C-alpha atoms as a PDB file:
ATOM      1  CA  UNK A   1      37.575  -3.739  28.809  1.00  0.00           C
ATOM      2  CA  UNK A   2      36.834  -5.997  31.466  1.00  0.00           C
ATOM      3  CA  UNK A   3      34.820  -9.738  31.251  1.00  0.00           C
ATOM      4  CA  UNK A   4      31.654  -9.835  33.691  1.00  0.00           C
ATOM      5  CA  UNK A   5      29.924 -12.837  34.782  1.00  0.00           C
ATOM      6  CA  UNK A   6      26.414 -11.977  35.900  1.00  0.00           C
ATOM      7  CA  UNK A   7      24.527 -14.694  38.088  1.00  0.00           C
ATOM      8  CA  UNK A   8      20.924 -14.883  37.479  1.00  0.00           C
ATOM      9  CA  UNK A   9      18.311 -16.514  39.453  1.00  0.00           C
ATOM     10  CA  UNK A  10      14.450 -16.953  39.640  1.00  0.00           C
ATOM     11  CA  UNK A  11      12.001 -17.780  37.030  1.00  0.00           C
ATOM     12  CA  UNK A  12      11.613 -17.029  33.250  1.00  0.00           C
ATOM     13  CA  UNK A  13       9.996 -13.569  33.482  1.00  0.00           C
ATOM     14  CA  UNK A  14      12.626 -12.662  35.857  1.00  0.00           C
ATOM     15  CA  UNK A  15      15.217 -13.497  33.642  1.00  0.00           C
ATOM     16  CA  UNK A  16      13.868 -11.997  30.310  1.00  0.00           C
ATOM     17  CA  UNK A  17      13.328  -8.725  32.623  1.00  0.00           C
ATOM     18  CA  UNK A  18      16.856  -8.428  32.854  1.00  0.00           C
ATOM     19  CA  UNK A  19      17.908  -8.734  29.079  1.00  0.00           C
ATOM     20  CA  UNK A  20      16.446  -4.990  29.001  1.00  0.00           C
ATOM     21  CA  UNK A  21      19.725  -3.501  30.233  1.00  0.00           C
ATOM     22  CA  UNK A  22      22.052  -5.945  28.292  1.00  0.00           C
ATOM     23  CA  UNK A  23      23.113  -3.235  25.994  1.00  0.00           C
ATOM     24  CA  UNK A  24      23.745  -0.140  28.954  1.00  0.00           C
ATOM     25  CA  UNK A  25      26.126  -3.431  30.691  1.00  0.00           C
ATOM     26  CA  UNK A  26      28.091  -3.688  27.624  1.00  0.00           C
ATOM     27  CA  UNK A  27      28.595  -0.047  26.985  1.00  0.00           C
ATOM     28  CA  UNK A  28      29.745  -0.017  30.568  1.00  0.00           C
ATOM     29  CA  UNK A  29      32.010  -3.169  30.484  1.00  0.00           C
ATOM     30  CA  UNK A  30      33.210  -2.237  26.758  1.00  0.00           C
ATOM     31  CA  UNK A  31      32.789  -5.913  25.839  1.00  0.00           C
ATOM     32  CA  UNK A  32      29.700  -8.282  25.745  1.00  0.00           C
ATOM     33  CA  UNK A  33      28.763  -9.935  28.812  1.00  0.00           C
ATOM     34  CA  UNK A  34      28.604 -13.565  30.224  1.00  0.00           C
ATOM     35  CA  UNK A  35      25.611 -14.906  32.068  1.00  0.00           C
ATOM     36  CA  UNK A  36      24.789 -17.926  34.548  1.00  0.00           C
ATOM     37  CA  UNK A  37      21.409 -18.867  34.813  1.00  0.00           C
ATOM     38  CA  UNK A  38      19.091 -21.733  35.199  1.00  0.00           C
ATOM     39  CA  UNK A  39      17.277 -20.299  31.906  1.00  0.00           C
ATOM     40  CA  UNK A  40      20.195 -20.209  29.289  1.00  0.00           C
ATOM     41  CA  UNK A  41      18.087 -19.913  26.487  1.00  0.00           C
ATOM     42  CA  UNK A  42      16.503 -16.341  27.465  1.00  0.00           C
ATOM     43  CA  UNK A  43      20.393 -15.149  26.425  1.00  0.00           C
ATOM     44  CA  UNK A  44      20.859 -17.781  23.374  1.00  0.00           C
ATOM     45  CA  UNK A  45      21.662 -16.000  20.358  1.00  0.00           C
ATOM     46  CA  UNK A  46      21.700 -12.420  21.828  1.00  0.00           C
ATOM     47  CA  UNK A  47      25.089 -10.721  20.065  1.00  0.00           C
ATOM     48  CA  UNK A  48      25.330  -8.742  23.737  1.00  0.00           C
ATOM     49  CA  UNK A  49      26.226 -12.027  25.738  1.00  0.00           C
ATOM     50  CA  UNK A  50      29.555 -13.878  24.905  1.00  0.00           C
ATOM     51  CA  UNK A  51      28.752 -16.908  26.338  1.00  0.00           C
ATOM     52  CA  UNK A  52      25.612 -18.282  28.667  1.00  0.00           C
ATOM     53  CA  UNK A  53      26.281 -21.076  31.063  1.00  0.00           C
ATOM     54  CA  UNK A  54      23.149 -23.393  32.294  1.00  0.00           C
ATOM     55  CA  UNK A  55      23.610 -23.157  36.232  1.00  0.00           C
ATOM     56  CA  UNK A  56      21.740 -26.543  36.468  1.00  0.00           C
ATOM     57  CA  UNK A  57      24.856 -28.169  35.512  1.00  0.00           C
ATOM     58  CA  UNK A  58      27.644 -25.221  35.276  1.00  0.00           C
ATOM     59  CA  UNK A  59      28.957 -24.416  38.628  1.00  0.00           C
ATOM     60  CA  UNK A  60      30.240 -21.000  39.212  1.00  0.00           C
ATOM     61  CA  UNK A  61      33.728 -22.172  40.003  1.00  0.00           C
ATOM     62  CA  UNK A  62      33.844 -23.069  36.129  1.00  0.00           C
ATOM     63  CA  UNK A  63      37.361 -22.290  34.482  1.00  0.00           C
ATOM     64  CA  UNK A  64      35.560 -20.246  31.856  1.00  0.00           C
ATOM     65  CA  UNK A  65      33.331 -18.150  34.374  1.00  0.00           C
ATOM     66  CA  UNK A  66      36.335 -17.951  37.515  1.00  0.00           C
ATOM     67  CA  UNK A  67      38.420 -16.297  34.467  1.00  0.00           C
ATOM     68  CA  UNK A  68      35.912 -13.440  34.463  1.00  0.00           C
ATOM     69  CA  UNK A  69      37.657  -9.801  35.693  1.00  0.00           C
ATOM     70  CA  UNK A  70      34.147  -9.866  38.017  1.00  0.00           C
ATOM     71  CA  UNK A  71      31.389 -12.261  39.013  1.00  0.00           C
ATOM     72  CA  UNK A  72      28.375 -10.547  39.875  1.00  0.00           C
ATOM     73  CA  UNK A  73      25.185 -11.465  41.723  1.00  0.00           C
ATOM     74  CA  UNK A  74      22.393  -9.051  42.701  1.00  0.00           C
ATOM     75  CA  UNK A  75      19.002  -9.571  43.754  1.00  0.00           C
ATOM     76  CA  UNK A  76      16.134  -6.715  43.467  1.00  0.00           C
ATOM     77  CA  UNK A  77      13.786  -8.456  45.849  1.00  0.00           C
ATOM     78  CA  UNK A  78      16.211  -7.798  48.559  1.00  0.00           C
ATOM     79  CA  UNK A  79      17.234  -4.362  47.707  1.00  0.00           C
ATOM     80  CA  UNK A  80      15.196  -0.808  47.397  1.00  0.00           C
ATOM     81  CA  UNK A  81      12.599  -2.742  45.260  1.00  0.00           C
ATOM     82  CA  UNK A  82      11.325  -3.871  48.032  1.00  0.00           C
ATOM     83  CA  UNK A  83       9.896  -0.682  49.164  1.00  0.00           C
ATOM     84  CA  UNK A  84       7.334  -0.837  46.378  1.00  0.00           C
ATOM     85  CA  UNK A  85       8.439   2.210  44.299  1.00  0.00           C
ATOM     86  CA  UNK A  86      10.828   0.655  41.769  1.00  0.00           C
ATOM     87  CA  UNK A  87       9.962  -0.735  38.576  1.00  0.00           C
ATOM     88  CA  UNK A  88      11.897  -4.170  38.342  1.00  0.00           C
ATOM     89  CA  UNK A  89      14.074  -2.689  35.578  1.00  0.00           C
ATOM     90  CA  UNK A  90      14.985   0.344  37.466  1.00  0.00           C
ATOM     91  CA  UNK A  91      15.902  -1.561  40.404  1.00  0.00           C
ATOM     92  CA  UNK A  92      18.274  -3.753  38.070  1.00  0.00           C
ATOM     93  CA  UNK A  93      19.796  -0.657  36.728  1.00  0.00           C
ATOM     94  CA  UNK A  94      20.218   1.000  40.254  1.00  0.00           C
ATOM     95  CA  UNK A  95      21.987  -2.473  41.569  1.00  0.00           C
ATOM     96  CA  UNK A  96      24.287  -2.745  38.184  1.00  0.00           C
ATOM     97  CA  UNK A  97      25.379   1.127  38.361  1.00  0.00           C
ATOM     98  CA  UNK A  98      23.671   1.867  34.549  1.00  0.00           C
ATOM     99  CA  UNK A  99      21.170   4.751  34.287  1.00  0.00           C
ATOM    100  CA  UNK A 100      17.523   3.635  33.892  1.00  0.00           C
ATOM    101  CA  UNK A 101      14.979   4.826  31.191  1.00  0.00           C
ATOM    102  CA  UNK A 102      11.728   3.795  31.518  1.00  0.00           C
ATOM    103  CA  UNK A 103      11.816   2.747  27.549  1.00  0.00           C
ATOM    104  CA  UNK A 104      14.478  -0.130  28.356  1.00  0.00           C
ATOM    105  CA  UNK A 105      12.458  -3.356  27.290  1.00  0.00           C
ATOM    106  CA  UNK A 106      13.566  -6.956  26.971  1.00  0.00           C
ATOM    107  CA  UNK A 107      14.917  -8.354  23.995  1.00  0.00           C
ATOM    108  CA  UNK A 108      15.154 -12.223  22.949  1.00  0.00           C
ATOM    109  CA  UNK A 109      15.860 -14.246  20.027  1.00  0.00           C
ATOM    110  CA  UNK A 110      13.759 -16.877  19.518  1.00  0.00           C
ATOM    111  CA  UNK A 111      12.859 -16.685  15.837  1.00  0.00           C
ATOM    112  CA  UNK A 112      14.465 -19.941  14.996  1.00  0.00           C
ATOM    113  CA  UNK A 113      11.456 -21.561  16.898  1.00  0.00           C
ATOM    114  CA  UNK A 114       8.636 -20.183  14.528  1.00  0.00           C
ATOM    115  CA  UNK A 115       8.896 -23.486  12.452  1.00  0.00           C
ATOM    116  CA  UNK A 116       7.904 -25.432  15.755  1.00  0.00           C
ATOM    117  CA  UNK A 117       5.295 -22.550  16.181  1.00  0.00           C
ATOM    118  CA  UNK A 118       3.742 -22.776  13.361  1.00  0.00           C
ATOM    119  CA  UNK A 119       3.915 -26.827  12.709  1.00  0.00           C
ATOM    120  CA  UNK A 120       2.285 -26.675  16.555  1.00  0.00           C
ATOM    121  CA  UNK A 121      -0.501 -24.454  15.288  1.00  0.00           C
ATOM    122  CA  UNK A 122      -1.053 -26.574  12.146  1.00  0.00           C
ATOM    123  CA  UNK A 123      -1.288 -29.735  14.276  1.00  0.00           C
ATOM    124  CA  UNK A 124      -3.785 -28.268  16.270  1.00  0.00           C
ATOM    125  CA  UNK A 125      -5.626 -27.142  13.504  1.00  0.00           C
ATOM    126  CA  UNK A 126      -5.402 -23.368  13.925  1.00  0.00           C
ATOM    127  CA  UNK A 127      -4.966 -21.525  10.739  1.00  0.00           C
ATOM    128  CA  UNK A 128      -6.285 -17.964  11.539  1.00  0.00           C
ATOM    129  CA  UNK A 129      -6.873 -15.820  14.801  1.00  0.00           C
ATOM    130  CA  UNK A 130      -6.357 -16.908  18.061  1.00  0.00           C
ATOM    131  CA  UNK A 131      -6.384 -16.097  21.739  1.00  0.00           C
ATOM    132  CA  UNK A 132      -3.789 -16.985  24.218  1.00  0.00           C
ATOM    133  CA  UNK A 133      -4.628 -17.255  27.880  1.00  0.00           C
ATOM    134  CA  UNK A 134      -2.768 -18.076  31.282  1.00  0.00           C
ATOM    135  CA  UNK A 135      -4.446 -18.104  34.577  1.00  0.00           C
ATOM    136  CA  UNK A 136      -1.697 -19.334  36.668  1.00  0.00           C
ATOM    137  CA  UNK A 137       1.738 -18.097  37.341  1.00  0.00           C
ATOM    138  CA  UNK A 138       4.033 -21.091  37.194  1.00  0.00           C
ATOM    139  CA  UNK A 139       6.031 -23.144  39.926  1.00  0.00           C
ATOM    140  CA  UNK A 140       9.300 -23.522  41.199  1.00  0.00           C
ATOM    141  CA  UNK A 141      11.469 -25.464  39.094  1.00  0.00           C
ATOM    142  CA  UNK A 142      12.399 -27.834  42.253  1.00  0.00           C
ATOM    143  CA  UNK A 143       8.791 -29.125  42.882  1.00  0.00           C
ATOM    144  CA  UNK A 144       8.147 -29.190  38.780  1.00  0.00           C
ATOM    145  CA  UNK A 145       7.109 -32.970  37.740  1.00  0.00           C
ATOM    146  CA  UNK A 146       6.175 -33.368  34.113  1.00  0.00           C
ATOM    147  CA  UNK A 147       2.424 -34.234  33.248  1.00  0.00           C
ATOM    148  CA  UNK A 148       1.810 -34.336  37.103  1.00  0.00           C
ATOM    149  CA  UNK A 149      -1.192 -32.375  38.082  1.00  0.00           C
ATOM    150  CA  UNK A 150      -1.942 -34.061  41.235  1.00  0.00           C
ATOM    151  CA  UNK A 151       1.476 -32.720  42.851  1.00  0.00           C
ATOM    152  CA  UNK A 152       0.933 -29.142  41.535  1.00  0.00           C
ATOM    153  CA  UNK A 153       2.279 -26.537  43.538  1.00  0.00           C
ATOM    154  CA  UNK A 154       1.941 -22.792  42.084  1.00  0.00           C
ATOM    155  CA  UNK A 155       5.154 -20.671  43.306  1.00  0.00           C
ATOM    156  CA  UNK A 156       2.546 -18.041  44.166  1.00  0.00           C
ATOM    157  CA  UNK A 157      -0.777 -18.563  44.471  1.00  0.00           C
ATOM    158  CA  UNK A 158      -1.773 -14.850  44.795  1.00  0.00           C
ATOM    159  CA  UNK A 159      -0.624 -14.601  41.457  1.00  0.00           C
ATOM    160  CA  UNK A 160      -3.496 -16.912  40.027  1.00  0.00           C
ATOM    161  CA  UNK A 161      -6.756 -16.006  39.029  1.00  0.00           C
ATOM    162  CA  UNK A 162      -9.229 -18.123  40.349  1.00  0.00           C
ATOM    163  CA  UNK A 163     -10.539 -21.164  38.193  1.00  0.00           C
ATOM    164  CA  UNK A 164     -14.401 -19.901  38.594  1.00  0.00           C
ATOM    165  CA  UNK A 165     -13.401 -16.415  36.998  1.00  0.00           C
ATOM    166  CA  UNK A 166     -11.170 -17.866  34.563  1.00  0.00           C
ATOM    167  CA  UNK A 167     -13.689 -20.335  33.589  1.00  0.00           C
ATOM    168  CA  UNK A 168     -16.031 -17.425  33.267  1.00  0.00           C
ATOM    169  CA  UNK A 169     -13.459 -15.319  31.134  1.00  0.00           C
ATOM    170  CA  UNK A 170     -12.967 -18.420  28.509  1.00  0.00           C
ATOM    171  CA  UNK A 171     -17.219 -18.940  28.284  1.00  0.00           C
ATOM    172  CA  UNK A 172     -17.603 -15.435  27.511  1.00  0.00           C
ATOM    173  CA  UNK A 173     -14.559 -15.097  25.089  1.00  0.00           C
ATOM    174  CA  UNK A 174     -16.067 -18.626  23.463  1.00  0.00           C
ATOM    175  CA  UNK A 175     -19.659 -16.672  23.159  1.00  0.00           C
ATOM    176  CA  UNK A 176     -18.208 -13.579  21.877  1.00  0.00           C
ATOM    177  CA  UNK A 177     -15.443 -15.196  19.414  1.00  0.00           C
ATOM    178  CA  UNK A 178     -17.170 -18.299  18.360  1.00  0.00           C
ATOM    179  CA  UNK A 179     -14.924 -19.416  15.915  1.00  0.00           C
ATOM    180  CA  UNK A 180     -11.753 -18.082  16.973  1.00  0.00           C
ATOM    181  CA  UNK A 181      -9.364 -20.843  18.998  1.00  0.00           C
ATOM    182  CA  UNK A 182      -8.086 -20.275  22.812  1.00  0.00           C
ATOM    183  CA  UNK A 183      -4.728 -21.850  23.555  1.00  0.00           C
ATOM    184  CA  UNK A 184      -4.086 -22.111  27.008  1.00  0.00           C
ATOM    185  CA  UNK A 185      -0.221 -21.819  27.833  1.00  0.00           C
ATOM    186  CA  UNK A 186       0.147 -22.823  31.748  1.00  0.00           C
ATOM    187  CA  UNK A 187       2.349 -25.697  32.525  1.00  0.00           C
ATOM    188  CA  UNK A 188       1.530 -29.133  31.636  1.00  0.00           C
ATOM    189  CA  UNK A 189       0.729 -30.139  34.740  1.00  0.00           C
ATOM    190  CA  UNK A 190      -0.785 -27.016  35.544  1.00  0.00           C
ATOM    191  CA  UNK A 191      -4.888 -27.442  35.536  1.00  0.00           C
ATOM    192  CA  UNK A 192      -6.033 -26.648  32.001  1.00  0.00           C
ATOM    193  CA  UNK A 193      -9.472 -25.047  31.011  1.00  0.00           C
ATOM    194  CA  UNK A 194     -12.585 -26.871  29.399  1.00  0.00           C
ATOM    195  CA  UNK A 195     -12.742 -25.320  25.702  1.00  0.00           C
ATOM    196  CA  UNK A 196      -9.109 -24.441  25.169  1.00  0.00           C
ATOM    197  CA  UNK A 197      -6.462 -26.276  23.588  1.00  0.00           C
ATOM    198  CA  UNK A 198      -3.463 -27.037  26.207  1.00  0.00           C
ATOM    199  CA  UNK A 199       0.165 -25.965  24.712  1.00  0.00           C
ATOM    200  CA  UNK A 200       2.935 -27.817  26.612  1.00  0.00           C
ATOM    201  CA  UNK A 201       5.789 -26.610  24.047  1.00  0.00           C
ATOM    202  CA  UNK A 202       9.019 -25.466  25.551  1.00  0.00           C
ATOM    203  CA  UNK A 203       8.666 -21.105  26.249  1.00  0.00           C
ATOM    204  CA  UNK A 204      10.791 -20.485  23.427  1.00  0.00           C
ATOM    205  CA  UNK A 205       8.297 -21.798  20.821  1.00  0.00           C
ATOM    206  CA  UNK A 206       5.337 -20.442  22.976  1.00  0.00           C
ATOM    207  CA  UNK A 207       7.118 -17.006  22.600  1.00  0.00           C
ATOM    208  CA  UNK A 208       7.168 -17.441  18.813  1.00  0.00           C
ATOM    209  CA  UNK A 209       3.103 -18.564  18.640  1.00  0.00           C
ATOM    210  CA  UNK A 210       2.417 -15.548  21.067  1.00  0.00           C
ATOM    211  CA  UNK A 211       3.426 -13.059  18.125  1.00  0.00           C
ATOM    212  CA  UNK A 212       1.232 -14.899  15.856  1.00  0.00           C
ATOM    213  CA  UNK A 213      -1.659 -14.620  18.427  1.00  0.00           C
ATOM    214  CA  UNK A 214      -4.376 -12.243  18.390  1.00  0.00           C
ATOM    215  CA  UNK A 215      -3.202 -10.983  22.061  1.00  0.00           C
ATOM    216  CA  UNK A 216      -3.474 -12.471  25.225  1.00  0.00           C
ATOM    217  CA  UNK A 217      -5.364 -12.798  28.598  1.00  0.00           C
ATOM    218  CA  UNK A 218      -3.444 -13.879  31.488  1.00  0.00           C
ATOM    219  CA  UNK A 219      -1.415 -12.725  35.216  1.00  0.00           C
ATOM    220  CA  UNK A 220       1.939 -11.942  36.099  1.00  0.00           C
ATOM    221  CA  UNK A 221       3.904 -14.478  34.656  1.00  0.00           C
ATOM    222  CA  UNK A 222       6.851 -14.524  32.105  1.00  0.00           C
ATOM    223  CA  UNK A 223       4.202 -14.211  29.007  1.00  0.00           C
ATOM    224  CA  UNK A 224       3.601 -10.792  29.609  1.00  0.00           C
ATOM    225  CA  UNK A 225       7.660  -9.997  29.262  1.00  0.00           C
ATOM    226  CA  UNK A 226       7.621 -11.847  26.409  1.00  0.00           C
ATOM    227  CA  UNK A 227       5.233 -10.021  24.850  1.00  0.00           C
ATOM    228  CA  UNK A 228       7.053  -6.624  25.921  1.00  0.00           C
ATOM    229  CA  UNK A 229       9.982  -7.698  23.515  1.00  0.00           C
ATOM    230  CA  UNK A 230       7.677  -8.625  20.516  1.00  0.00           C
ATOM    231  CA  UNK A 231       4.809  -5.823  20.963  1.00  0.00           C
ATOM    232  CA  UNK A 232       2.021  -7.842  21.345  1.00  0.00           C
ATOM    233  CA  UNK A 233      -0.492  -6.001  23.816  1.00  0.00           C
ATOM    234  CA  UNK A 234      -2.677  -8.079  26.391  1.00  0.00           C
ATOM    235  CA  UNK A 235      -5.230  -7.627  29.292  1.00  0.00           C
ATOM    236  CA  UNK A 236      -2.932  -8.807  32.444  1.00  0.00           C
ATOM    237  CA  UNK A 237      -4.794  -9.134  35.831  1.00  0.00           C
ATOM    238  CA  UNK A 238      -2.877  -8.267  39.151  1.00  0.00           C
ATOM    239  CA  UNK A 239      -3.071 -10.083  42.563  1.00  0.00           C
ATOM    240  CA  UNK A 240      -0.385  -9.922  45.153  1.00  0.00           C
ATOM    241  CA  UNK A 241       2.414  -8.204  42.831  1.00  0.00           C
ATOM    242  CA  UNK A 242       2.317  -4.750  41.456  1.00  0.00           C
ATOM    243  CA  UNK A 243       1.856  -3.940  38.057  1.00  0.00           C
ATOM    244  CA  UNK A 244       3.564  -0.636  38.623  1.00  0.00           C
ATOM    245  CA  UNK A 245       6.734  -2.724  39.451  1.00  0.00           C
ATOM    246  CA  UNK A 246       6.510  -5.340  36.795  1.00  0.00           C
ATOM    247  CA  UNK A 247       4.026  -4.482  34.265  1.00  0.00           C
ATOM    248  CA  UNK A 248       4.575  -2.731  30.634  1.00  0.00           C
ATOM    249  CA  UNK A 249       2.716   0.107  29.585  1.00  0.00           C
ATOM    250  CA  UNK A 250       1.535  -1.289  26.352  1.00  0.00           C
ATOM    251  CA  UNK A 251      -0.659  -3.996  27.962  1.00  0.00           C
ATOM    252  CA  UNK A 252      -4.002  -3.225  29.950  1.00  0.00           C
ATOM    253  CA  UNK A 253      -3.177  -3.584  33.269  1.00  0.00           C
ATOM    254  CA  UNK A 254      -6.300  -4.420  35.909  1.00  0.00           C
ATOM    255  CA  UNK A 255      -6.994  -4.976  39.401  1.00  0.00           C
ATOM    256  CA  UNK A 256      -9.634  -4.957  41.645  1.00  0.00           C
ATOM    257  CA  UNK A 257      -9.241  -1.593  43.092  1.00  0.00           C
ATOM    258  CA  UNK A 258      -8.577   0.353  40.112  1.00  0.00           C
ATOM    259  CA  UNK A 259     -10.438   3.495  39.293  1.00  0.00           C
ATOM    260  CA  UNK A 260      -9.491   3.733  35.892  1.00  0.00           C
ATOM    261  CA  UNK A 261     -10.743   1.076  33.073  1.00  0.00           C
ATOM    262  CA  UNK A 262      -6.912  -0.260  33.106  1.00  0.00           C
ATOM    263  CA  UNK A 263      -3.183   1.106  33.905  1.00  0.00           C
ATOM    264  CA  UNK A 264      -4.418   2.825  37.244  1.00  0.00           C
ATOM    265  CA  UNK A 265      -1.103   3.879  38.725  1.00  0.00           C
ATOM    266  CA  UNK A 266      -1.319   3.684  42.392  1.00  0.00           C
ATOM    267  CA  UNK A 267       0.550   1.604  45.237  1.00  0.00           C
ATOM    268  CA  UNK A 268      -1.379  -1.378  45.765  1.00  0.00           C
ATOM    269  CA  UNK A 269      -1.541  -3.368  48.912  1.00  0.00           C
ATOM    270  CA  UNK A 270       0.082  -6.740  48.047  1.00  0.00           C
ATOM    271  CA  UNK A 271      -1.584  -8.199  50.913  1.00  0.00           C
ATOM    272  CA  UNK A 272      -5.157  -7.582  49.577  1.00  0.00           C
ATOM    273  CA  UNK A 273      -6.864 -10.623  48.587  1.00  0.00           C
ATOM    274  CA  UNK A 274      -9.169  -9.000  46.805  1.00  0.00           C
ATOM    275  CA  UNK A 275      -6.791  -7.545  44.295  1.00  0.00           C
ATOM    276  CA  UNK A 276      -7.069 -10.382  41.597  1.00  0.00           C
ATOM    277  CA  UNK A 277     -10.914 -10.878  41.765  1.00  0.00           C
ATOM    278  CA  UNK A 278     -11.454  -8.462  38.743  1.00  0.00           C
ATOM    279  CA  UNK A 279     -14.789  -9.189  37.059  1.00  0.00           C
ATOM    280  CA  UNK A 280     -14.508 -11.466  34.091  1.00  0.00           C
ATOM    281  CA  UNK A 281     -16.755  -9.113  31.995  1.00  0.00           C
ATOM    282  CA  UNK A 282     -14.350  -6.357  32.654  1.00  0.00           C
ATOM    283  CA  UNK A 283     -11.463  -8.643  31.357  1.00  0.00           C
ATOM    284  CA  UNK A 284     -13.236  -9.560  28.422  1.00  0.00           C
ATOM    285  CA  UNK A 285     -14.451  -5.843  27.411  1.00  0.00           C
ATOM    286  CA  UNK A 286     -10.909  -4.291  27.850  1.00  0.00           C
ATOM    287  CA  UNK A 287      -9.758  -7.127  25.813  1.00  0.00           C
ATOM    288  CA  UNK A 288     -12.228  -6.890  23.337  1.00  0.00           C
ATOM    289  CA  UNK A 289     -11.936  -2.987  22.691  1.00  0.00           C
ATOM    290  CA  UNK A 290      -8.221  -2.695  23.683  1.00  0.00           C
ATOM    291  CA  UNK A 291      -6.297  -6.096  22.563  1.00  0.00           C
ATOM    292  CA  UNK A 292      -7.992  -8.498  20.038  1.00  0.00           C
ATOM    293  CA  UNK A 293      -6.240  -8.507  16.759  1.00  0.00           C
ATOM    294  CA  UNK A 294      -4.202  -5.333  17.462  1.00  0.00           C
ATOM    295  CA  UNK A 295      -0.570  -4.567  17.192  1.00  0.00           C
ATOM    296  CA  UNK A 296       1.045  -1.976  19.267  1.00  0.00           C
ATOM    297  CA  UNK A 297       4.366   0.139  17.850  1.00  0.00           C
ATOM    298  CA  UNK A 298       7.988  -0.734  19.286  1.00  0.00           C
ATOM    299  CA  UNK A 299       7.782   2.899  21.086  1.00  0.00           C
ATOM    300  CA  UNK A 300       4.519   2.196  23.011  1.00  0.00           C
ATOM    301  CA  UNK A 301       6.429  -0.881  25.222  1.00  0.00           C
ATOM    302  CA  UNK A 302       7.647   0.826  28.265  1.00  0.00           C
ATOM    303  CA  UNK A 303       8.043   0.177  31.797  1.00  0.00           C
ATOM    304  CA  UNK A 304       5.285   0.849  33.844  1.00  0.00           C
ATOM    305  CA  UNK A 305       5.304   4.930  35.124  1.00  0.00           C
ATOM    306  CA  UNK A 306       2.555   7.206  36.200  1.00  0.00           C
ATOM    307  CA  UNK A 307       1.263   9.021  33.026  1.00  0.00           C
ATOM    308  CA  UNK A 308      -1.201  12.004  33.271  1.00  0.00           C
END
């Protein structure tokens, strides 16, 4: 047995992905692990985690961390992952010394926020089916200023679906589903969209809202990874990141250069600005035919891989 503390950096999505390998890490160390992260809520209530520390307020030399047999930090973005062939879960496995399986998937414990999720839906008069959208990929915490859209700075503009295309998708959805509300889960100081209901709740509440939704349309952001934990399918539009490295098989992954309707497995050129320019009509068609009001079985949720 050995007490190991893993130091996690990055956004919510990256931390959510890391939960995919916790079971194997615990088997390796023969006891629950500790986590130091800016997104401690990702690991809250997880029985595989002995203690989670908020790195925004707790230093790495805190005695509870210093007593660890090992303090481990690794960065997939500065490893073999950068070659463009590994899925990020596979990279986490390689760096931590555990065996990789495509069936590894995130695990979140946010059920206690279900009451808050239902309260928000009721306050916004959403009593039946609804659709979730998120067309921008967030921004780094150090630049985040609550309710200040003037100082919005995207963490990666290449992931963002163009506002004109996003508004077109929303208009088409409203025409096809006139009685179905559209919930926009972009951050409070990110631009919103006419005809949607802005949800500025914490991501833990949004995760529970997603579970109650009829599906989502988004980009490469934390939402798609949350939905991998809860069997919720969605349409994900890919820009300068590869679905083959960050995506999930139960989602319908779209890119401009695909030759299949969705989930076309190839090594995309992430520097091609056309990647994200998927036609709105293709987005809505795939969503309506493959995602809306559907659920998938747990064994359908897998890391992206090439299927024949």
